[in-house]
Every structure is written in C-alpha cells, then in structure tokens.
C-alpha cells in the first residue's frame, strides 16, 4: 500500500479539481467529437468564435485581442491562427493604425464553418448545462468569479506568509 498524501484520500469525490476536470472532460469530449465532422478542433472553434464575436464591435481585431477574448496565451493563439489561415478560414493583413499588429478577419469559408459550428456547440452547451436547472445562472456567476481569480497572486501571498 502507498501512503496517499491528499486531504481527500478517504473520498476522491470531494476533490474539487478532480471533479471539475472530469466534468470538463465529459463536456469537452462531446464538443471535440462533433467539431471533428467540420474539420476543426476546439481551440480553432474558440478562435473563430472569438473573432466572429469581436468583429461585431470592432473594425479590426488583432491577435492579442483574440488571445484575451479566448482566454488563451498569445503563442497558442498565434499557432491556431496560423493553422486557420493555412486552411483559408481566416486572413491577416497589416493593421491600419498599428503597423506592428496584424488585423485578423474571417474568410467566407471561415464564416460558413462558424455558421455550422456555433449551433452545434450551443446545442451541446444547452443540453449539458440544462442539467443544472435553475442553478445555471448561479453556476455562470461562480464561473465568472473563478475566471477573475488570480491564482498567481494568491500563491505568491501564501509563499510570503510562510517564509
């Protein structure tokens, strides 16, 4: 037998992170499965959706804006954008005001994929999260709270308190 040094060693069902990951994986597996039929990955969908959403409000959308909107790091966003451009789903041109930045836009092919993908993902979301019933709005509020939480600052404060 191995000594398991977890506060949840008696009951893994009380491990918040593990339960969150299991739930995420269940939802994510279905998203990946259904997006595969359109020939795109989930990160590609996230970038396409973030771009489509942002273009409603902005004339020009930069990669940095997309990274922030998607909640992805700039390097990963750049890699996904390169693939999307290679598949002619997006295009890039020089930004009109900032010569260091590229303005990203959807191609007509990208727009078509987005029109097909969005209803698929929104339907999965509706079915999956409808299991929360009246608690869905509370869940969304809690997700916003978690999204705003800066674990790096918290970890640094804990380290400073200990040492």
Foldseek 3Di string as FASTA:
>chain_A
DDDDPDPCPVPCVPVVVVVVVVLCCVLQVQLQVVLVVVVDGPVLLLLLVLQVVVVVPDVFDWLVNSCVSSVHDSVVSVVSVVVCVVVQQKDWDQDPPDRVTITIHGDVSVVVSNVVSVVSSVVSCCVSLCVCPPCSVVVVVVVVVVVPDDVVVVVVVVVVVVD
